Amino acid sequence: MGFRERLRDQIDFLGLLDKEVADKAGISKRAIDSYVGNRGCIPSAEVAVKLAQVLETSVEYLVTGKTSEPTPTPPELQHLQQFDSKEEKKLIKAFSKLSSRDKGTIVSLAEHLAAAK
C-alpha cells in the first residue's frame, strides 16, 4: 500500500469528501484527485503536512504506513485505537451510534454467528 492508498483510506475512514479535504487543506479538488487517482502524484512536503493535519494523521503514516510517535486522537475516536483493521474500526464507529436496544441485537447476532463456526 502506498501514499495514494493510505490517503484514500484515511479520507474514507473519516467520512470526508475529497472536496472537503481540499477546502480544509487550502488546495484544489483537482490536486486531491491527482493524489488519489491513478496517476498517484505525490504532493510537496508543505501540502502533505496540510493533508495530514486535515486527516488527523502524520505525514510519516501517509508516506510510509508507519508512525514513530502516536498522533493525538480526538476523544470521540480514541476507542478505535485498539482495533487494527479498517473493517473493525468501521464496525465500532457504526456500532457506537446505535441505540442500546440495537446494540443488544447486534451483540446477540455476533455471538450467534461466532458460535455457529
PDB file of N, CA and C in Angstrom:
ATOM      1  N   MET A   1       0.848  -1.170   0.000  1.00  0.00           N
ATOM      2  CA  MET A   1       0.000   0.000   0.000  1.00  0.00           C
ATOM      3  C   MET A   1       0.895   1.235   0.000  1.00  0.00           C
ATOM      4  N   GLY A   2       0.594   2.183  -0.858  1.00  0.00           N
ATOM      5  CA  GLY A   2       1.396   3.385  -0.978  1.00  0.00           C
ATOM      6  C   GLY A   2       0.665   4.624  -0.494  1.00  0.00           C
ATOM      7  N   PHE A   3       1.283   5.765  -0.746  1.00  0.00           N
ATOM      8  CA  PHE A   3       0.722   7.052  -0.330  1.00  0.00           C
ATOM      9  C   PHE A   3      -0.714   7.213  -0.818  1.00  0.00           C
ATOM     10  N   ARG A   4      -0.939   6.932  -2.086  1.00  0.00           N
ATOM     11  CA  ARG A   4      -2.257   7.113  -2.692  1.00  0.00           C
ATOM     12  C   ARG A   4      -3.320   6.315  -1.938  1.00  0.00           C
ATOM     13  N   GLU A   5      -3.030   5.047  -1.639  1.00  0.00           N
ATOM     14  CA  GLU A   5      -3.999   4.195  -0.959  1.00  0.00           C
ATOM     15  C   GLU A   5      -4.221   4.616   0.490  1.00  0.00           C
ATOM     16  N   ARG A   6      -3.143   4.987   1.171  1.00  0.00           N
ATOM     17  CA  ARG A   6      -3.301   5.428   2.565  1.00  0.00           C
ATOM     18  C   ARG A   6      -4.079   6.742   2.639  1.00  0.00           C
ATOM     19  N   LEU A   7      -3.826   7.633   1.697  1.00  0.00           N
ATOM     20  CA  LEU A   7      -4.572   8.894   1.644  1.00  0.00           C
ATOM     21  C   LEU A   7      -6.051   8.612   1.427  1.00  0.00           C
ATOM     22  N   ARG A   8      -6.366   7.774   0.457  1.00  0.00           N
ATOM     23  CA  ARG A   8      -7.759   7.422   0.163  1.00  0.00           C
ATOM     24  C   ARG A   8      -8.417   6.758   1.372  1.00  0.00           C
ATOM     25  N   ASP A   9      -7.716   5.812   2.006  1.00  0.00           N
ATOM     26  CA  ASP A   9      -8.271   5.124   3.175  1.00  0.00           C
ATOM     27  C   ASP A   9      -8.575   6.090   4.312  1.00  0.00           C
ATOM     28  N   GLN A  10      -7.669   7.034   4.544  1.00  0.00           N
ATOM     29  CA  GLN A  10      -7.870   7.978   5.648  1.00  0.00           C
ATOM     30  C   GLN A  10      -9.042   8.915   5.352  1.00  0.00           C
ATOM     31  N   ILE A  11      -9.162   9.352   4.123  1.00  0.00           N
ATOM     32  CA  ILE A  11     -10.300  10.202   3.730  1.00  0.00           C
ATOM     33  C   ILE A  11     -11.602   9.437   3.941  1.00  0.00           C
ATOM     34  N   ASP A  12     -11.637   8.194   3.467  1.00  0.00           N
ATOM     35  CA  ASP A  12     -12.840   7.367   3.605  1.00  0.00           C
ATOM     36  C   ASP A  12     -13.144   7.062   5.058  1.00  0.00           C
ATOM     37  N   PHE A  13     -12.105   6.741   5.840  1.00  0.00           N
ATOM     38  CA  PHE A  13     -12.300   6.412   7.251  1.00  0.00           C
ATOM     39  C   PHE A  13     -12.947   7.567   8.009  1.00  0.00           C
ATOM     40  N   LEU A  14     -12.525   8.776   7.714  1.00  0.00           N
ATOM     41  CA  LEU A  14     -13.087   9.945   8.395  1.00  0.00           C
ATOM     42  C   LEU A  14     -14.429  10.370   7.807  1.00  0.00           C
ATOM     43  N   GLY A  15     -14.833   9.717   6.717  1.00  0.00           N
ATOM     44  CA  GLY A  15     -16.122  10.033   6.102  1.00  0.00           C
ATOM     45  C   GLY A  15     -16.148  11.381   5.426  1.00  0.00           C
ATOM     46  N   LEU A  16     -15.009  11.817   4.922  1.00  0.00           N
ATOM     47  CA  LEU A  16     -14.927  13.117   4.267  1.00  0.00           C
ATOM     48  C   LEU A  16     -15.029  12.966   2.751  1.00  0.00           C
ATOM     49  N   LEU A  17     -15.446  14.014   2.119  1.00  0.00           N
ATOM     50  CA  LEU A  17     -15.429  14.072   0.658  1.00  0.00           C
ATOM     51  C   LEU A  17     -14.101  14.678   0.226  1.00  0.00           C
ATOM     52  N   ASP A  18     -13.644  14.316  -0.963  1.00  0.00           N
ATOM     53  CA  ASP A  18     -12.388  14.869  -1.469  1.00  0.00           C
ATOM     54  C   ASP A  18     -12.416  16.391  -1.479  1.00  0.00           C
ATOM     55  N   LYS A  19     -13.554  16.969  -1.850  1.00  0.00           N
ATOM     56  CA  LYS A  19     -13.696  18.427  -1.899  1.00  0.00           C
ATOM     57  C   LYS A  19     -13.531  19.034  -0.507  1.00  0.00           C
ATOM     58  N   GLU A  20     -14.081  18.371   0.514  1.00  0.00           N
ATOM     59  CA  GLU A  20     -13.940  18.868   1.886  1.00  0.00           C
ATOM     60  C   GLU A  20     -12.469  18.880   2.304  1.00  0.00           C
ATOM     61  N   VAL A  21     -11.772  17.807   1.983  1.00  0.00           N
ATOM     62  CA  VAL A  21     -10.349  17.724   2.331  1.00  0.00           C
ATOM     63  C   VAL A  21      -9.578  18.828   1.615  1.00  0.00           C
ATOM     64  N   ALA A  22      -9.863  19.004   0.341  1.00  0.00           N
ATOM     65  CA  ALA A  22      -9.187  20.046  -0.433  1.00  0.00           C
ATOM     66  C   ALA A  22      -9.439  21.423   0.178  1.00  0.00           C
ATOM     67  N   ASP A  23     -10.694  21.714   0.490  1.00  0.00           N
ATOM     68  CA  ASP A  23     -11.038  23.015   1.068  1.00  0.00           C
ATOM     69  C   ASP A  23     -10.323  23.246   2.402  1.00  0.00           C
ATOM     70  N   LYS A  24     -10.352  22.233   3.269  1.00  0.00           N
ATOM     71  CA  LYS A  24      -9.734  22.365   4.587  1.00  0.00           C
ATOM     72  C   LYS A  24      -8.210  22.493   4.494  1.00  0.00           C
ATOM     73  N   ALA A  25      -7.628  21.851   3.482  1.00  0.00           N
ATOM     74  CA  ALA A  25      -6.169  21.913   3.316  1.00  0.00           C
ATOM     75  C   ALA A  25      -5.733  23.125   2.511  1.00  0.00           C
ATOM     76  N   GLY A  26      -6.693  23.835   1.933  1.00  0.00           N
ATOM     77  CA  GLY A  26      -6.361  25.018   1.141  1.00  0.00           C
ATOM     78  C   GLY A  26      -5.749  24.684  -0.208  1.00  0.00           C
ATOM     79  N   ILE A  27      -6.177  23.557  -0.776  1.00  0.00           N
ATOM     80  CA  ILE A  27      -5.688  23.162  -2.102  1.00  0.00           C
ATOM     81  C   ILE A  27      -6.898  22.890  -2.993  1.00  0.00           C
ATOM     82  N   SER A  28      -6.648  22.661  -4.260  1.00  0.00           N
ATOM     83  CA  SER A  28      -7.754  22.437  -5.189  1.00  0.00           C
ATOM     84  C   SER A  28      -8.225  20.984  -5.147  1.00  0.00           C
ATOM     85  N   LYS A  29      -9.475  20.793  -5.525  1.00  0.00           N
ATOM     86  CA  LYS A  29     -10.019  19.432  -5.643  1.00  0.00           C
ATOM     87  C   LYS A  29      -9.232  18.664  -6.691  1.00  0.00           C
ATOM     88  N   ARG A  30      -8.812  19.366  -7.722  1.00  0.00           N
ATOM     89  CA  ARG A  30      -8.028  18.734  -8.790  1.00  0.00           C
ATOM     90  C   ARG A  30      -6.711  18.165  -8.244  1.00  0.00           C
ATOM     91  N   ALA A  31      -6.108  18.877  -7.288  1.00  0.00           N
ATOM     92  CA  ALA A  31      -4.873  18.386  -6.664  1.00  0.00           C
ATOM     93  C   ALA A  31      -5.149  17.086  -5.911  1.00  0.00           C
ATOM     94  N   ILE A  32      -6.229  17.071  -5.132  1.00  0.00           N
ATOM     95  CA  ILE A  32      -6.600  15.849  -4.403  1.00  0.00           C
ATOM     96  C   ILE A  32      -6.804  14.708  -5.393  1.00  0.00           C
ATOM     97  N   ASP A  33      -7.505  14.992  -6.477  1.00  0.00           N
ATOM     98  CA  ASP A  33      -7.741  13.962  -7.499  1.00  0.00           C
ATOM     99  C   ASP A  33      -6.430  13.393  -8.028  1.00  0.00           C
ATOM    100  N   SER A  34      -5.428  14.246  -8.190  1.00  0.00           N
ATOM    101  CA  SER A  34      -4.144  13.770  -8.708  1.00  0.00           C
ATOM    102  C   SER A  34      -3.408  12.907  -7.680  1.00  0.00           C
ATOM    103  N   TYR A  35      -3.660  13.127  -6.380  1.00  0.00           N
ATOM    104  CA  TYR A  35      -3.002  12.351  -5.335  1.00  0.00           C
ATOM    105  C   TYR A  35      -3.671  10.992  -5.133  1.00  0.00           C
ATOM    106  N   VAL A  36      -4.993  10.939  -5.254  1.00  0.00           N
ATOM    107  CA  VAL A  36      -5.712   9.679  -5.007  1.00  0.00           C
ATOM    108  C   VAL A  36      -6.082   8.948  -6.290  1.00  0.00           C
ATOM    109  N   GLY A  37      -5.902   9.585  -7.427  1.00  0.00           N
ATOM    110  CA  GLY A  37      -6.243   8.968  -8.706  1.00  0.00           C
ATOM    111  C   GLY A  37      -5.176   8.022  -9.198  1.00  0.00           C
ATOM    112  N   ASN A  38      -5.391   7.477 -10.373  1.00  0.00           N
ATOM    113  CA  ASN A  38      -4.467   6.505 -10.962  1.00  0.00           C
ATOM    114  C   ASN A  38      -3.068   7.061 -11.182  1.00  0.00           C
ATOM    115  N   ARG A  39      -2.973   8.380 -11.389  1.00  0.00           N
ATOM    116  CA  ARG A  39      -1.656   8.986 -11.588  1.00  0.00           C
ATOM    117  C   ARG A  39      -0.817   8.895 -10.318  1.00  0.00           C
ATOM    118  N   GLY A  40      -1.484   8.965  -9.168  1.00  0.00           N
ATOM    119  CA  GLY A  40      -0.802   8.822  -7.888  1.00  0.00           C
ATOM    120  C   GLY A  40       0.323   9.801  -7.661  1.00  0.00           C
ATOM    121  N   CYS A  41       0.094  11.057  -8.008  1.00  0.00           N
ATOM    122  CA  CYS A  41       1.116  12.085  -7.782  1.00  0.00           C
ATOM    123  C   CYS A  41       1.383  12.230  -6.284  1.00  0.00           C
ATOM    124  N   ILE A  42       2.586  12.652  -5.955  1.00  0.00           N
ATOM    125  CA  ILE A  42       2.966  12.890  -4.564  1.00  0.00           C
ATOM    126  C   ILE A  42       3.013  14.398  -4.345  1.00  0.00           C
ATOM    127  N   PRO A  43       2.353  14.882  -3.284  1.00  0.00           N
ATOM    128  CA  PRO A  43       2.338  16.331  -3.038  1.00  0.00           C
ATOM    129  C   PRO A  43       3.675  16.825  -2.487  1.00  0.00           C
ATOM    130  N   SER A  44       3.834  18.119  -2.514  1.00  0.00           N
ATOM    131  CA  SER A  44       5.012  18.724  -1.879  1.00  0.00           C
ATOM    132  C   SER A  44       4.930  18.467  -0.375  1.00  0.00           C
ATOM    133  N   ALA A  45       6.041  18.648   0.311  1.00  0.00           N
ATOM    134  CA  ALA A  45       6.064  18.450   1.763  1.00  0.00           C
ATOM    135  C   ALA A  45       5.057  19.360   2.455  1.00  0.00           C
ATOM    136  N   GLU A  46       4.965  20.599   2.000  1.00  0.00           N
ATOM    137  CA  GLU A  46       4.037  21.568   2.597  1.00  0.00           C
ATOM    138  C   GLU A  46       2.590  21.093   2.468  1.00  0.00           C
ATOM    139  N   VAL A  47       2.223  20.611   1.306  1.00  0.00           N
ATOM    140  CA  VAL A  47       0.850  20.131   1.082  1.00  0.00           C
ATOM    141  C   VAL A  47       0.622  18.842   1.860  1.00  0.00           C
ATOM    142  N   ALA A  48       1.618  17.967   1.921  1.00  0.00           N
ATOM    143  CA  ALA A  48       1.483  16.716   2.672  1.00  0.00           C
ATOM    144  C   ALA A  48       1.218  17.001   4.149  1.00  0.00           C
ATOM    145  N   VAL A  49       1.874  18.009   4.696  1.00  0.00           N
ATOM    146  CA  VAL A  49       1.648  18.393   6.095  1.00  0.00           C
ATOM    147  C   VAL A  49       0.209  18.875   6.277  1.00  0.00           C
ATOM    148  N   LYS A  50      -0.273  19.699   5.367  1.00  0.00           N
ATOM    149  CA  LYS A  50      -1.657  20.189   5.451  1.00  0.00           C
ATOM    150  C   LYS A  50      -2.647  19.036   5.371  1.00  0.00           C
ATOM    151  N   LEU A  51      -2.401  18.102   4.457  1.00  0.00           N
ATOM    152  CA  LEU A  51      -3.297  16.945   4.314  1.00  0.00           C
ATOM    153  C   LEU A  51      -3.295  16.098   5.587  1.00  0.00           C
ATOM    154  N   ALA A  52      -2.119  15.861   6.132  1.00  0.00           N
ATOM    155  CA  ALA A  52      -2.022  15.064   7.360  1.00  0.00           C
ATOM    156  C   ALA A  52      -2.780  15.728   8.500  1.00  0.00           C
ATOM    157  N   GLN A  53      -2.683  17.039   8.619  1.00  0.00           N
ATOM    158  CA  GLN A  53      -3.399  17.748   9.675  1.00  0.00           C
ATOM    159  C   GLN A  53      -4.909  17.620   9.494  1.00  0.00           C
ATOM    160  N   VAL A  54      -5.374  17.809   8.284  1.00  0.00           N
ATOM    161  CA  VAL A  54      -6.805  17.699   7.998  1.00  0.00           C
ATOM    162  C   VAL A  54      -7.293  16.284   8.272  1.00  0.00           C
ATOM    163  N   LEU A  55      -6.461  15.300   7.961  1.00  0.00           N
ATOM    164  CA  LEU A  55      -6.853  13.901   8.078  1.00  0.00           C
ATOM    165  C   LEU A  55      -6.485  13.278   9.423  1.00  0.00           C
ATOM    166  N   GLU A  56      -6.066  14.114  10.367  1.00  0.00           N
ATOM    167  CA  GLU A  56      -5.789  13.679  11.734  1.00  0.00           C
ATOM    168  C   GLU A  56      -4.799  12.525  11.788  1.00  0.00           C
ATOM    169  N   THR A  57      -3.740  12.643  11.001  1.00  0.00           N
ATOM    170  CA  THR A  57      -2.703  11.627  10.968  1.00  0.00           C
ATOM    171  C   THR A  57      -1.361  12.319  10.772  1.00  0.00           C
ATOM    172  N   SER A  58      -0.321  11.563  10.489  1.00  0.00           N
ATOM    173  CA  SER A  58       1.000  12.152  10.270  1.00  0.00           C
ATOM    174  C   SER A  58       1.420  11.979   8.818  1.00  0.00           C
ATOM    175  N   VAL A  59       2.326  12.829   8.396  1.00  0.00           N
ATOM    176  CA  VAL A  59       2.895  12.702   7.056  1.00  0.00           C
ATOM    177  C   VAL A  59       3.632  11.369   6.965  1.00  0.00           C
ATOM    178  N   GLU A  60       4.330  11.015   8.028  1.00  0.00           N
ATOM    179  CA  GLU A  60       5.062   9.745   8.043  1.00  0.00           C
ATOM    180  C   GLU A  60       4.123   8.579   7.748  1.00  0.00           C
ATOM    181  N   TYR A  61       2.949   8.575   8.380  1.00  0.00           N
ATOM    182  CA  TYR A  61       2.000   7.491   8.116  1.00  0.00           C
ATOM    183  C   TYR A  61       1.560   7.498   6.655  1.00  0.00           C
ATOM    184  N   LEU A  62       1.215   8.663   6.132  1.00  0.00           N
ATOM    185  CA  LEU A  62       0.750   8.728   4.742  1.00  0.00           C
ATOM    186  C   LEU A  62       1.821   8.248   3.769  1.00  0.00           C
ATOM    187  N   VAL A  63       3.087   8.545   4.071  1.00  0.00           N
ATOM    188  CA  VAL A  63       4.167   8.190   3.162  1.00  0.00           C
ATOM    189  C   VAL A  63       4.639   6.748   3.356  1.00  0.00           C
ATOM    190  N   THR A  64       4.815   6.326   4.609  1.00  0.00           N
ATOM    191  CA  THR A  64       5.427   5.015   4.869  1.00  0.00           C
ATOM    192  C   THR A  64       4.472   3.981   5.448  1.00  0.00           C
ATOM    193  N   GLY A  65       3.351   4.428   6.010  1.00  0.00           N
ATOM    194  CA  GLY A  65       2.445   3.499   6.682  1.00  0.00           C
ATOM    195  C   GLY A  65       2.817   3.271   8.137  1.00  0.00           C
ATOM    196  N   LYS A  66       3.867   3.946   8.603  1.00  0.00           N
ATOM    197  CA  LYS A  66       4.338   3.785   9.984  1.00  0.00           C
ATOM    198  C   LYS A  66       4.304   5.132  10.689  1.00  0.00           C
ATOM    199  N   THR A  67       4.268   5.069  11.994  1.00  0.00           N
ATOM    200  CA  THR A  67       4.368   6.292  12.786  1.00  0.00           C
ATOM    201  C   THR A  67       5.405   6.080  13.875  1.00  0.00           C
ATOM    202  N   SER A  68       6.239   7.076  14.098  1.00  0.00           N
ATOM    203  CA  SER A  68       7.256   6.970  15.137  1.00  0.00           C
ATOM    204  C   SER A  68       6.700   7.421  16.481  1.00  0.00           C
ATOM    205  N   GLU A  69       5.796   8.357  16.448  1.00  0.00           N
ATOM    206  CA  GLU A  69       5.158   8.832  17.666  1.00  0.00           C
ATOM    207  C   GLU A  69       3.664   8.806  17.457  1.00  0.00           C
ATOM    208  N   PRO A  70       2.928   8.424  18.504  1.00  0.00           N
ATOM    209  CA  PRO A  70       1.477   8.412  18.347  1.00  0.00           C
ATOM    210  C   PRO A  70       0.946   9.796  18.004  1.00  0.00           C
ATOM    211  N   THR A  71       0.048   9.844  17.042  1.00  0.00           N
ATOM    212  CA  THR A  71      -0.613  11.079  16.676  1.00  0.00           C
ATOM    213  C   THR A  71      -1.805  11.248  17.611  1.00  0.00           C
ATOM    214  N   PRO A  72      -1.986  12.428  18.191  1.00  0.00           N
ATOM    215  CA  PRO A  72      -3.127  12.611  19.083  1.00  0.00           C
ATOM    216  C   PRO A  72      -4.435  12.256  18.370  1.00  0.00           C
ATOM    217  N   THR A  73      -5.245  11.502  19.073  1.00  0.00           N
ATOM    218  CA  THR A  73      -6.528  11.083  18.523  1.00  0.00           C
ATOM    219  C   THR A  73      -7.629  11.862  19.212  1.00  0.00           C
ATOM    220  N   PRO A  74      -8.578  12.395  18.452  1.00  0.00           N
ATOM    221  CA  PRO A  74      -9.687  13.104  19.073  1.00  0.00           C
ATOM    222  C   PRO A  74     -10.425  12.185  20.051  1.00  0.00           C
ATOM    223  N   PRO A  75     -10.925  12.713  21.148  1.00  0.00           N
ATOM    224  CA  PRO A  75     -11.589  11.886  22.156  1.00  0.00           C
ATOM    225  C   PRO A  75     -12.693  10.985  21.590  1.00  0.00           C
ATOM    226  N   GLU A  76     -13.446  11.487  20.616  1.00  0.00           N
ATOM    227  CA  GLU A  76     -14.551  10.694  20.081  1.00  0.00           C
ATOM    228  C   GLU A  76     -14.083   9.497  19.257  1.00  0.00           C
ATOM    229  N   LEU A  77     -12.780   9.445  18.915  1.00  0.00           N
ATOM    230  CA  LEU A  77     -12.248   8.313  18.140  1.00  0.00           C
ATOM    231  C   LEU A  77     -11.259   7.462  18.934  1.00  0.00           C
ATOM    232  N   GLN A  78     -11.001   7.806  20.199  1.00  0.00           N
ATOM    233  CA  GLN A  78      -9.990   7.095  20.970  1.00  0.00           C
ATOM    234  C   GLN A  78     -10.331   5.622  21.165  1.00  0.00           C
ATOM    235  N   HIS A  79     -11.598   5.293  21.263  1.00  0.00           N
ATOM    236  CA  HIS A  79     -11.978   3.888  21.445  1.00  0.00           C
ATOM    237  C   HIS A  79     -11.632   3.037  20.221  1.00  0.00           C
ATOM    238  N   LEU A  80     -11.310   3.662  19.099  1.00  0.00           N
ATOM    239  CA  LEU A  80     -10.973   2.919  17.880  1.00  0.00           C
ATOM    240  C   LEU A  80      -9.502   2.516  17.820  1.00  0.00           C
ATOM    241  N   GLN A  81      -8.659   3.075  18.680  1.00  0.00           N
ATOM    242  CA  GLN A  81      -7.220   2.835  18.594  1.00  0.00           C
ATOM    243  C   GLN A  81      -6.848   1.379  18.813  1.00  0.00           C
ATOM    244  N   GLN A  82      -7.635   0.643  19.582  1.00  0.00           N
ATOM    245  CA  GLN A  82      -7.288  -0.737  19.881  1.00  0.00           C
ATOM    246  C   GLN A  82      -7.560  -1.691  18.723  1.00  0.00           C
ATOM    247  N   PHE A  83      -8.222  -1.221  17.691  1.00  0.00           N
ATOM    248  CA  PHE A  83      -8.567  -2.068  16.565  1.00  0.00           C
ATOM    249  C   PHE A  83      -7.623  -1.813  15.401  1.00  0.00           C
ATOM    250  N   ASP A  84      -7.206  -2.894  14.760  1.00  0.00           N
ATOM    251  CA  ASP A  84      -6.213  -2.793  13.699  1.00  0.00           C
ATOM    252  C   ASP A  84      -6.803  -2.627  12.316  1.00  0.00           C
ATOM    253  N   SER A  85      -7.793  -3.423  11.995  1.00  0.00           N
ATOM    254  CA  SER A  85      -8.269  -3.408  10.616  1.00  0.00           C
ATOM    255  C   SER A  85      -9.274  -2.291  10.368  1.00  0.00           C
ATOM    256  N   LYS A  86      -9.312  -1.885   9.130  1.00  0.00           N
ATOM    257  CA  LYS A  86     -10.251  -0.849   8.700  1.00  0.00           C
ATOM    258  C   LYS A  86     -11.685  -1.296   8.959  1.00  0.00           C
ATOM    259  N   GLU A  87     -11.969  -2.589   8.727  1.00  0.00           N
ATOM    260  CA  GLU A  87     -13.315  -3.114   8.930  1.00  0.00           C
ATOM    261  C   GLU A  87     -13.720  -3.049  10.395  1.00  0.00           C
ATOM    262  N   GLU A  88     -12.795  -3.395  11.306  1.00  0.00           N
ATOM    263  CA  GLU A  88     -13.102  -3.326  12.733  1.00  0.00           C
ATOM    264  C   GLU A  88     -13.413  -1.894  13.151  1.00  0.00           C
ATOM    265  N   LYS A  89     -12.610  -0.955  12.662  1.00  0.00           N
ATOM    266  CA  LYS A  89     -12.827   0.447  13.019  1.00  0.00           C
ATOM    267  C   LYS A  89     -14.182   0.938  12.507  1.00  0.00           C
ATOM    268  N   LYS A  90     -14.516   0.567  11.277  1.00  0.00           N
ATOM    269  CA  LYS A  90     -15.800   0.990  10.711  1.00  0.00           C
ATOM    270  C   LYS A  90     -16.956   0.386  11.503  1.00  0.00           C
ATOM    271  N   LEU A  91     -16.808  -0.879  11.897  1.00  0.00           N
ATOM    272  CA  LEU A  91     -17.855  -1.554  12.652  1.00  0.00           C
ATOM    273  C   LEU A  91     -18.072  -0.885  14.013  1.00  0.00           C
ATOM    274  N   ILE A  92     -16.991  -0.606  14.716  1.00  0.00           N
ATOM    275  CA  ILE A  92     -17.095   0.024  16.036  1.00  0.00           C
ATOM    276  C   ILE A  92     -17.659   1.435  15.927  1.00  0.00           C
ATOM    277  N   LYS A  93     -17.241   2.158  14.911  1.00  0.00           N
ATOM    278  CA  LYS A  93     -17.751   3.525  14.716  1.00  0.00           C
ATOM    279  C   LYS A  93     -19.260   3.496  14.484  1.00  0.00           C
ATOM    280  N   ALA A  94     -19.718   2.575  13.635  1.00  0.00           N
ATOM    281  CA  ALA A  94     -21.157   2.456  13.365  1.00  0.00           C
ATOM    282  C   ALA A  94     -21.897   1.960  14.609  1.00  0.00           C
ATOM    283  N   PHE A  95     -21.318   0.988  15.306  1.00  0.00           N
ATOM    284  CA  PHE A  95     -21.939   0.416  16.500  1.00  0.00           C
ATOM    285  C   PHE A  95     -22.153   1.479  17.576  1.00  0.00           C
ATOM    286  N   SER A  96     -21.189   2.375  17.722  1.00  0.00           N
ATOM    287  CA  SER A  96     -21.280   3.396  18.767  1.00  0.00           C
ATOM    288  C   SER A  96     -22.434   4.370  18.539  1.00  0.00           C
ATOM    289  N   LYS A  97     -22.955   4.419  17.327  1.00  0.00           N
ATOM    290  CA  LYS A  97     -24.056   5.329  17.011  1.00  0.00           C
ATOM    291  C   LYS A  97     -25.433   4.693  17.217  1.00  0.00           C
ATOM    292  N   LEU A  98     -25.471   3.388  17.545  1.00  0.00           N
ATOM    293  CA  LEU A  98     -26.738   2.683  17.691  1.00  0.00           C
ATOM    294  C   LEU A  98     -27.364   2.923  19.062  1.00  0.00           C
ATOM    295  N   SER A  99     -28.669   2.668  19.141  1.00  0.00           N
ATOM    296  CA  SER A  99     -29.370   2.722  20.426  1.00  0.00           C
ATOM    297  C   SER A  99     -28.965   1.510  21.253  1.00  0.00           C
ATOM    298  N   SER A 100     -29.218   1.548  22.555  1.00  0.00           N
ATOM    299  CA  SER A 100     -28.889   0.422  23.435  1.00  0.00           C
ATOM    300  C   SER A 100     -29.584  -0.852  22.971  1.00  0.00           C
ATOM    301  N   ARG A 101     -30.819  -0.728  22.560  1.00  0.00           N
ATOM    302  CA  ARG A 101     -31.592  -1.891  22.094  1.00  0.00           C
ATOM    303  C   ARG A 101     -30.936  -2.498  20.844  1.00  0.00           C
ATOM    304  N   ASP A 102     -30.589  -1.638  19.885  1.00  0.00           N
ATOM    305  CA  ASP A 102     -29.958  -2.128  18.662  1.00  0.00           C
ATOM    306  C   ASP A 102     -28.585  -2.733  18.937  1.00  0.00           C
ATOM    307  N   LYS A 103     -27.853  -2.154  19.889  1.00  0.00           N
ATOM    308  CA  LYS A 103     -26.556  -2.723  20.252  1.00  0.00           C
ATOM    309  C   LYS A 103     -26.730  -4.136  20.793  1.00  0.00           C
ATOM    310  N   GLY A 104     -27.740  -4.331  21.635  1.00  0.00           N
ATOM    311  CA  GLY A 104     -28.010  -5.660  22.171  1.00  0.00           C
ATOM    312  C   GLY A 104     -28.323  -6.663  21.075  1.00  0.00           C
ATOM    313  N   THR A 105     -29.088  -6.219  20.087  1.00  0.00           N
ATOM    314  CA  THR A 105     -29.427  -7.091  18.956  1.00  0.00           C
ATOM    315  C   THR A 105     -28.176  -7.474  18.175  1.00  0.00           C
ATOM    316  N   ILE A 106     -27.312  -6.508  17.930  1.00  0.00           N
ATOM    317  CA  ILE A 106     -26.086  -6.767  17.177  1.00  0.00           C
ATOM    318  C   ILE A 106     -25.166  -7.706  17.952  1.00  0.00           C
ATOM    319  N   VAL A 107     -25.040  -7.510  19.260  1.00  0.00           N
ATOM    320  CA  VAL A 107     -24.196  -8.381  20.073  1.00  0.00           C
ATOM    321  C   VAL A 107     -24.736  -9.812  20.040  1.00  0.00           C
ATOM    322  N   SER A 108     -26.045  -9.970  20.193  1.00  0.00           N
ATOM    323  CA  SER A 108     -26.643 -11.310  20.130  1.00  0.00           C
ATOM    324  C   SER A 108     -26.375 -11.974  18.791  1.00  0.00           C
ATOM    325  N   LEU A 109     -26.549 -11.227  17.726  1.00  0.00           N
ATOM    326  CA  LEU A 109     -26.293 -11.752  16.382  1.00  0.00           C
ATOM    327  C   LEU A 109     -24.830 -12.167  16.221  1.00  0.00           C
ATOM    328  N   ALA A 110     -23.911 -11.317  16.678  1.00  0.00           N
ATOM    329  CA  ALA A 110     -22.480 -11.630  16.565  1.00  0.00           C
ATOM    330  C   ALA A 110     -22.133 -12.879  17.368  1.00  0.00           C
ATOM    331  N   GLU A 111     -22.685 -12.996  18.574  1.00  0.00           N
ATOM    332  CA  GLU A 111     -22.435 -14.175  19.384  1.00  0.00           C
ATOM    333  C   GLU A 111     -22.973 -15.436  18.718  1.00  0.00           C
ATOM    334  N   HIS A 112     -24.164 -15.325  18.127  1.00  0.00           N
ATOM    335  CA  HIS A 112     -24.771 -16.455  17.412  1.00  0.00           C
ATOM    336  C   HIS A 112     -23.903 -16.866  16.227  1.00  0.00           C
ATOM    337  N   LEU A 113     -23.451 -15.899  15.442  1.00  0.00           N
ATOM    338  CA  LEU A 113     -22.609 -16.202  14.285  1.00  0.00           C
ATOM    339  C   LEU A 113     -21.269 -16.817  14.700  1.00  0.00           C
ATOM    340  N   ALA A 114     -20.682 -16.305  15.780  1.00  0.00           N
ATOM    341  CA  ALA A 114     -19.396 -16.828  16.260  1.00  0.00           C
ATOM    342  C   ALA A 114     -19.547 -18.261  16.766  1.00  0.00           C
ATOM    343  N   ALA A 115     -20.665 -18.549  17.427  1.00  0.00           N
ATOM    344  CA  ALA A 115     -20.902 -19.887  17.958  1.00  0.00           C
ATOM    345  C   ALA A 115     -21.158 -20.903  16.839  1.00  0.00           C
ATOM    346  N   ALA A 116     -21.677 -20.422  15.713  1.00  0.00           N
ATOM    347  CA  ALA A 116     -22.019 -21.302  14.602  1.00  0.00           C
ATOM    348  C   ALA A 116     -20.783 -21.770  13.844  1.00  0.00           C
ATOM    349  N   LYS A 117     -19.636 -21.150  14.066  1.00  0.00           N
ATOM    350  CA  LYS A 117     -18.409 -21.523  13.325  1.00  0.00           C
ATOM    351  C   LYS A 117     -17.887 -22.840  13.746  1.00  0.00           C
TER     352      LYS A 117
END
